[in-house]
């Protein structure tokens, strides 16, 4: 019984040393903010797609936003799929006809901001 109580604190000590390098609360807040951003962008892309404007591009953007949203929905981030989806999203954004509509300009700006936040989150919390 004495041996068990002496060994019990060792795993907790090891976990505390490993977790000390990152701020869990800050990372969790950033992850939740990213999830919300991608969710809102996915909803906006869905609305644009339903409007019938530039349907193939908005469908692709909607699909990538959905993948990015799902990458950040839980604490266990799917980094590889998020990286692939963010690259595809960045490639699709210039194809939106932003010069013609304020909504497309706003969407591109929001998506570019979310991509920057995602990059910052990965550097801090991965």
N, C-alpha and C. Protein backbone atom coordinates (compact mmCIF):
# COMPACT_ATOMS: atom_id res chain seq x y z
N UNK A 1 0.82 -1.19 0.00
CA UNK A 1 0.00 0.00 0.00
C UNK A 1 0.86 1.25 0.00
N UNK A 2 1.95 1.22 0.73
CA UNK A 2 2.83 2.37 0.80
C UNK A 2 3.48 2.62 -0.55
N UNK A 3 3.89 1.52 -1.23
CA UNK A 3 4.51 1.67 -2.55
C UNK A 3 3.55 2.34 -3.54
N UNK A 4 2.28 1.96 -3.50
CA UNK A 4 1.28 2.52 -4.41
C UNK A 4 1.14 4.02 -4.21
N UNK A 5 1.08 4.45 -2.97
CA UNK A 5 0.91 5.88 -2.71
C UNK A 5 2.17 6.66 -3.06
N UNK A 6 3.33 6.03 -3.01
CA UNK A 6 4.56 6.72 -3.37
C UNK A 6 4.67 6.87 -4.89
N UNK A 7 4.15 5.91 -5.65
CA UNK A 7 4.25 5.95 -7.10
C UNK A 7 3.14 6.77 -7.74
N UNK A 8 2.06 6.97 -7.05
CA UNK A 8 0.92 7.69 -7.60
C UNK A 8 1.26 9.11 -8.08
N UNK A 9 2.04 9.89 -7.35
CA UNK A 9 2.32 11.25 -7.82
C UNK A 9 3.24 11.32 -9.05
N UNK A 10 3.98 10.26 -9.37
CA UNK A 10 4.91 10.32 -10.49
C UNK A 10 4.23 10.60 -11.83
N UNK A 11 3.14 9.92 -12.20
CA UNK A 11 2.50 10.28 -13.47
C UNK A 11 1.99 11.71 -13.49
N UNK A 12 1.47 12.18 -12.37
CA UNK A 12 0.98 13.56 -12.33
C UNK A 12 2.12 14.56 -12.48
N UNK A 13 3.28 14.24 -11.90
CA UNK A 13 4.45 15.10 -12.05
C UNK A 13 4.90 15.12 -13.51
N UNK A 14 4.93 13.96 -14.14
CA UNK A 14 5.33 13.88 -15.55
C UNK A 14 4.36 14.67 -16.44
N UNK A 15 3.06 14.54 -16.19
CA UNK A 15 2.08 15.28 -16.98
C UNK A 15 2.22 16.78 -16.79
N UNK A 16 2.48 17.19 -15.56
CA UNK A 16 2.60 18.62 -15.32
C UNK A 16 3.85 19.19 -16.00
N UNK A 17 4.91 18.41 -16.10
CA UNK A 17 6.10 18.88 -16.79
C UNK A 17 5.85 18.99 -18.29
N UNK A 18 5.11 18.05 -18.87
CA UNK A 18 4.81 18.08 -20.29
C UNK A 18 3.86 19.21 -20.65
N UNK A 19 2.89 19.45 -19.79
CA UNK A 19 1.88 20.46 -20.09
C UNK A 19 2.35 21.87 -19.78
N UNK A 20 3.46 22.02 -19.11
CA UNK A 20 3.92 23.33 -18.71
C UNK A 20 4.35 24.22 -19.86
N UNK A 21 4.57 23.65 -21.04
CA UNK A 21 5.10 24.45 -22.14
C UNK A 21 4.02 25.21 -22.89
N UNK A 22 2.76 24.90 -22.68
CA UNK A 22 1.69 25.58 -23.41
C UNK A 22 0.57 25.99 -22.45
N UNK A 23 -0.09 27.06 -22.78
CA UNK A 23 -1.20 27.54 -21.98
C UNK A 23 -2.49 26.89 -22.48
N UNK A 24 -2.98 25.89 -21.74
CA UNK A 24 -4.16 25.15 -22.17
C UNK A 24 -5.40 26.02 -22.32
N UNK A 25 -5.60 26.93 -21.41
CA UNK A 25 -6.79 27.78 -21.46
C UNK A 25 -6.76 28.67 -22.70
N UNK A 26 -5.61 29.27 -22.96
CA UNK A 26 -5.47 30.14 -24.13
C UNK A 26 -5.64 29.33 -25.42
N UNK A 27 -5.04 28.14 -25.47
CA UNK A 27 -5.16 27.30 -26.66
C UNK A 27 -6.59 26.83 -26.87
N UNK A 28 -7.27 26.47 -25.81
CA UNK A 28 -8.66 26.03 -25.94
C UNK A 28 -9.55 27.17 -26.41
N UNK A 29 -9.33 28.35 -25.89
CA UNK A 29 -10.11 29.51 -26.32
C UNK A 29 -9.85 29.80 -27.80
N UNK A 30 -8.60 29.74 -28.22
CA UNK A 30 -8.26 29.99 -29.62
C UNK A 30 -8.87 28.92 -30.53
N UNK A 31 -8.86 27.66 -30.08
CA UNK A 31 -9.45 26.57 -30.87
C UNK A 31 -10.95 26.79 -31.04
N UNK A 32 -11.62 27.17 -29.95
CA UNK A 32 -13.06 27.40 -30.02
C UNK A 32 -13.39 28.60 -30.91
N UNK A 33 -12.57 29.63 -30.85
CA UNK A 33 -12.77 30.80 -31.72
C UNK A 33 -12.60 30.43 -33.18
N UNK A 34 -11.58 29.61 -33.48
CA UNK A 34 -11.38 29.15 -34.85
C UNK A 34 -12.55 28.32 -35.34
N UNK A 35 -13.04 27.43 -34.50
CA UNK A 35 -14.18 26.61 -34.87
C UNK A 35 -15.37 27.49 -35.20
N UNK A 36 -15.59 28.51 -34.38
CA UNK A 36 -16.71 29.43 -34.63
C UNK A 36 -16.51 30.21 -35.93
N UNK A 37 -15.29 30.67 -36.17
CA UNK A 37 -15.01 31.41 -37.40
C UNK A 37 -15.29 30.56 -38.63
N UNK A 38 -14.80 29.31 -38.62
CA UNK A 38 -15.01 28.44 -39.78
C UNK A 38 -16.47 28.06 -39.93
N UNK A 39 -17.18 27.94 -38.81
CA UNK A 39 -18.61 27.64 -38.87
C UNK A 39 -19.36 28.79 -39.53
N UNK A 40 -19.05 30.01 -39.13
CA UNK A 40 -19.71 31.19 -39.71
C UNK A 40 -19.37 31.34 -41.19
N UNK A 41 -18.12 31.06 -41.54
CA UNK A 41 -17.72 31.15 -42.95
C UNK A 41 -18.39 30.06 -43.78
N UNK A 42 -18.55 28.88 -43.21
CA UNK A 42 -19.24 27.80 -43.92
C UNK A 42 -20.69 28.19 -44.17
N UNK A 43 -21.35 28.77 -43.15
CA UNK A 43 -22.73 29.20 -43.31
C UNK A 43 -22.86 30.29 -44.37
N UNK A 44 -21.91 31.21 -44.39
CA UNK A 44 -21.94 32.28 -45.39
C UNK A 44 -21.73 31.72 -46.80
N UNK A 45 -20.82 30.76 -46.93
CA UNK A 45 -20.59 30.13 -48.23
C UNK A 45 -21.83 29.36 -48.69
N UNK A 46 -22.51 28.72 -47.75
CA UNK A 46 -23.74 27.99 -48.09
C UNK A 46 -24.80 28.96 -48.60
N UNK A 47 -24.94 30.11 -47.94
CA UNK A 47 -25.92 31.11 -48.40
C UNK A 47 -25.58 31.61 -49.81
N UNK A 48 -24.30 31.87 -50.05
CA UNK A 48 -23.89 32.34 -51.37
C UNK A 48 -24.13 31.27 -52.43
N UNK A 49 -23.86 30.03 -52.06
CA UNK A 49 -24.09 28.92 -52.99
C UNK A 49 -25.57 28.80 -53.32
N UNK A 50 -26.42 28.93 -52.31
CA UNK A 50 -27.87 28.85 -52.53
C UNK A 50 -28.40 30.01 -53.36
N UNK A 51 -27.68 31.13 -53.33
CA UNK A 51 -28.05 32.26 -54.18
C UNK A 51 -27.78 31.98 -55.65
N UNK A 52 -26.99 30.93 -55.92
CA UNK A 52 -26.69 30.55 -57.30
C UNK A 52 -25.60 31.36 -57.95
N UNK A 53 -24.84 32.09 -57.16
CA UNK A 53 -23.76 32.92 -57.69
C UNK A 53 -22.46 32.13 -57.68
N UNK A 54 -21.84 31.97 -58.85
CA UNK A 54 -20.54 31.30 -58.97
C UNK A 54 -20.54 29.96 -58.23
N UNK A 55 -21.51 29.15 -58.56
CA UNK A 55 -21.81 27.91 -57.84
C UNK A 55 -20.62 26.96 -57.63
N UNK A 56 -19.80 26.65 -58.63
CA UNK A 56 -18.70 25.70 -58.40
C UNK A 56 -17.69 26.19 -57.36
N UNK A 57 -17.36 27.47 -57.41
CA UNK A 57 -16.37 28.00 -56.47
C UNK A 57 -16.94 28.04 -55.06
N UNK A 58 -18.19 28.50 -54.91
CA UNK A 58 -18.79 28.56 -53.58
C UNK A 58 -19.00 27.17 -52.99
N UNK A 59 -19.26 26.18 -53.84
CA UNK A 59 -19.39 24.80 -53.35
C UNK A 59 -18.07 24.32 -52.80
N UNK A 60 -16.99 24.59 -53.52
CA UNK A 60 -15.66 24.20 -53.04
C UNK A 60 -15.30 24.91 -51.74
N UNK A 61 -15.58 26.20 -51.69
CA UNK A 61 -15.28 26.98 -50.48
C UNK A 61 -16.10 26.46 -49.30
N UNK A 62 -17.36 26.16 -49.55
CA UNK A 62 -18.22 25.61 -48.49
C UNK A 62 -17.66 24.29 -47.97
N UNK A 63 -17.25 23.40 -48.88
CA UNK A 63 -16.71 22.10 -48.47
C UNK A 63 -15.43 22.24 -47.65
N UNK A 64 -14.55 23.13 -48.06
CA UNK A 64 -13.30 23.33 -47.33
C UNK A 64 -13.55 24.00 -45.97
N UNK A 65 -14.49 24.92 -45.92
CA UNK A 65 -14.83 25.55 -44.64
C UNK A 65 -15.43 24.52 -43.68
N UNK A 66 -16.23 23.61 -44.22
CA UNK A 66 -16.81 22.55 -43.39
C UNK A 66 -15.71 21.63 -42.85
N UNK A 67 -14.75 21.30 -43.69
CA UNK A 67 -13.63 20.47 -43.25
C UNK A 67 -12.80 21.18 -42.19
N UNK A 68 -12.57 22.47 -42.38
CA UNK A 68 -11.83 23.24 -41.38
C UNK A 68 -12.61 23.34 -40.08
N UNK A 69 -13.89 23.55 -40.18
CA UNK A 69 -14.74 23.61 -38.97
C UNK A 69 -14.63 22.30 -38.19
N UNK A 70 -14.72 21.18 -38.90
CA UNK A 70 -14.66 19.89 -38.21
C UNK A 70 -13.26 19.59 -37.66
N UNK A 71 -12.24 20.19 -38.23
CA UNK A 71 -10.87 19.97 -37.73
C UNK A 71 -10.68 20.57 -36.34
N UNK A 72 -11.45 21.59 -36.01
CA UNK A 72 -11.28 22.29 -34.74
C UNK A 72 -12.45 22.09 -33.78
N UNK A 73 -13.32 21.15 -34.07
CA UNK A 73 -14.53 20.98 -33.25
C UNK A 73 -14.22 20.33 -31.90
N UNK A 74 -13.18 19.52 -31.80
CA UNK A 74 -12.82 18.88 -30.53
C UNK A 74 -11.43 19.32 -30.12
N UNK A 75 -11.06 18.98 -28.91
CA UNK A 75 -9.74 19.35 -28.39
C UNK A 75 -8.62 18.67 -29.17
N UNK A 76 -8.93 17.52 -29.76
CA UNK A 76 -7.92 16.80 -30.55
C UNK A 76 -8.03 17.30 -32.00
N UNK A 77 -7.25 18.31 -32.31
CA UNK A 77 -7.29 18.94 -33.62
C UNK A 77 -6.71 18.00 -34.67
N UNK A 78 -7.37 17.92 -35.80
CA UNK A 78 -6.84 17.12 -36.91
C UNK A 78 -5.99 18.04 -37.78
N UNK A 79 -4.73 18.16 -37.41
CA UNK A 79 -3.82 19.13 -38.00
C UNK A 79 -3.59 18.89 -39.49
N UNK A 80 -3.39 17.64 -39.90
CA UNK A 80 -3.09 17.36 -41.31
C UNK A 80 -4.24 17.74 -42.23
N UNK A 81 -5.45 17.35 -41.86
CA UNK A 81 -6.60 17.70 -42.71
C UNK A 81 -6.85 19.21 -42.68
N UNK A 82 -6.58 19.84 -41.55
CA UNK A 82 -6.73 21.29 -41.47
C UNK A 82 -5.73 21.99 -42.38
N UNK A 83 -4.51 21.48 -42.42
CA UNK A 83 -3.49 22.10 -43.28
C UNK A 83 -3.87 21.96 -44.76
N UNK A 84 -4.34 20.78 -45.15
CA UNK A 84 -4.73 20.57 -46.55
C UNK A 84 -5.93 21.45 -46.92
N UNK A 85 -6.90 21.51 -46.03
CA UNK A 85 -8.10 22.29 -46.31
C UNK A 85 -7.79 23.79 -46.35
N UNK A 86 -6.90 24.25 -45.48
CA UNK A 86 -6.57 25.68 -45.48
C UNK A 86 -5.79 26.05 -46.75
N UNK A 87 -4.96 25.15 -47.25
CA UNK A 87 -4.26 25.41 -48.51
C UNK A 87 -5.26 25.49 -49.67
N UNK A 88 -6.21 24.57 -49.67
CA UNK A 88 -7.24 24.58 -50.72
C UNK A 88 -8.12 25.82 -50.61
N UNK A 89 -8.43 26.23 -49.39
CA UNK A 89 -9.23 27.44 -49.18
C UNK A 89 -8.48 28.66 -49.69
N UNK A 90 -7.20 28.76 -49.35
CA UNK A 90 -6.40 29.90 -49.80
C UNK A 90 -6.32 29.94 -51.32
N UNK A 91 -6.27 28.78 -51.97
CA UNK A 91 -6.22 28.73 -53.43
C UNK A 91 -7.56 29.11 -54.06
N UNK A 92 -8.67 28.82 -53.37
CA UNK A 92 -10.00 29.09 -53.91
C UNK A 92 -10.41 30.55 -53.74
N UNK A 93 -9.90 31.23 -52.73
CA UNK A 93 -10.33 32.60 -52.45
C UNK A 93 -10.12 33.57 -53.61
N UNK A 94 -8.99 33.53 -54.30
CA UNK A 94 -8.82 34.48 -55.42
C UNK A 94 -9.82 34.27 -56.56
N UNK A 95 -10.40 33.09 -56.64
CA UNK A 95 -11.37 32.82 -57.71
C UNK A 95 -12.75 33.41 -57.43
N UNK A 96 -12.98 33.86 -56.20
CA UNK A 96 -14.25 34.53 -55.90
C UNK A 96 -14.24 35.88 -56.58
N UNK A 97 -15.32 36.24 -57.17
CA UNK A 97 -15.40 37.51 -57.89
C UNK A 97 -15.60 38.65 -56.90
N UNK A 98 -14.52 38.99 -56.22
CA UNK A 98 -14.59 39.97 -55.15
C UNK A 98 -14.75 41.40 -55.67
N UNK A 99 -14.34 41.65 -56.88
CA UNK A 99 -14.41 43.00 -57.40
C UNK A 99 -15.83 43.47 -57.64
N UNK A 100 -16.77 42.53 -57.74
CA UNK A 100 -18.13 42.88 -58.11
C UNK A 100 -19.08 43.02 -56.93
N UNK A 101 -18.81 42.33 -55.84
CA UNK A 101 -19.78 42.31 -54.75
C UNK A 101 -19.12 42.54 -53.39
N UNK A 102 -19.76 43.33 -52.59
CA UNK A 102 -19.25 43.61 -51.25
C UNK A 102 -19.27 42.36 -50.38
N UNK A 103 -20.24 41.48 -50.58
CA UNK A 103 -20.31 40.25 -49.78
C UNK A 103 -19.12 39.34 -50.04
N UNK A 104 -18.71 39.25 -51.29
CA UNK A 104 -17.56 38.42 -51.62
C UNK A 104 -16.28 39.01 -51.04
N UNK A 105 -16.16 40.33 -51.08
CA UNK A 105 -14.99 41.00 -50.50
C UNK A 105 -14.95 40.75 -49.00
N UNK A 106 -16.08 40.89 -48.36
CA UNK A 106 -16.17 40.66 -46.92
C UNK A 106 -15.83 39.21 -46.58
N UNK A 107 -16.33 38.27 -47.38
CA UNK A 107 -16.04 36.87 -47.14
C UNK A 107 -14.55 36.60 -47.27
N UNK A 108 -13.94 37.10 -48.34
CA UNK A 108 -12.51 36.88 -48.55
C UNK A 108 -11.70 37.44 -47.40
N UNK A 109 -12.04 38.64 -46.95
CA UNK A 109 -11.32 39.26 -45.83
C UNK A 109 -11.46 38.41 -44.57
N UNK A 110 -12.67 37.94 -44.28
CA UNK A 110 -12.89 37.11 -43.10
C UNK A 110 -12.15 35.78 -43.20
N UNK A 111 -12.17 35.17 -44.37
CA UNK A 111 -11.47 33.89 -44.56
C UNK A 111 -9.96 34.06 -44.43
N UNK A 112 -9.43 35.13 -44.99
CA UNK A 112 -7.99 35.38 -44.88
C UNK A 112 -7.60 35.62 -43.42
N UNK A 113 -8.44 36.32 -42.68
CA UNK A 113 -8.19 36.53 -41.25
C UNK A 113 -8.22 35.21 -40.50
N UNK A 114 -9.18 34.35 -40.81
CA UNK A 114 -9.27 33.04 -40.15
C UNK A 114 -8.05 32.18 -40.47
N UNK A 115 -7.56 32.25 -41.70
CA UNK A 115 -6.35 31.49 -42.06
C UNK A 115 -5.14 31.98 -41.28
N UNK A 116 -5.03 33.29 -41.07
CA UNK A 116 -3.93 33.84 -40.27
C UNK A 116 -4.05 33.41 -38.81
N UNK A 117 -5.28 33.45 -38.28
CA UNK A 117 -5.50 33.02 -36.90
C UNK A 117 -5.16 31.54 -36.74
N UNK A 118 -5.50 30.75 -37.75
CA UNK A 118 -5.20 29.32 -37.70
C UNK A 118 -3.69 29.09 -37.68
N UNK A 119 -2.97 29.83 -38.48
CA UNK A 119 -1.51 29.70 -38.51
C UNK A 119 -0.91 30.08 -37.16
N UNK A 120 -1.39 31.15 -36.58
CA UNK A 120 -0.92 31.58 -35.26
C UNK A 120 -1.26 30.54 -34.19
N UNK A 121 -2.47 30.00 -34.25
CA UNK A 121 -2.89 28.97 -33.31
C UNK A 121 -2.00 27.74 -33.41
N UNK A 122 -1.67 27.34 -34.62
CA UNK A 122 -0.80 26.17 -34.80
C UNK A 122 0.58 26.41 -34.22
N UNK A 123 1.14 27.59 -34.41
CA UNK A 123 2.45 27.90 -33.87
C UNK A 123 2.45 27.88 -32.34
N UNK A 124 1.37 28.36 -31.74
CA UNK A 124 1.31 28.45 -30.28
C UNK A 124 0.92 27.15 -29.61
N UNK A 125 0.07 26.36 -30.25
CA UNK A 125 -0.58 25.28 -29.52
C UNK A 125 -0.33 23.86 -30.07
N UNK A 126 0.34 23.75 -31.15
CA UNK A 126 0.56 22.39 -31.69
C UNK A 126 1.65 21.69 -30.94
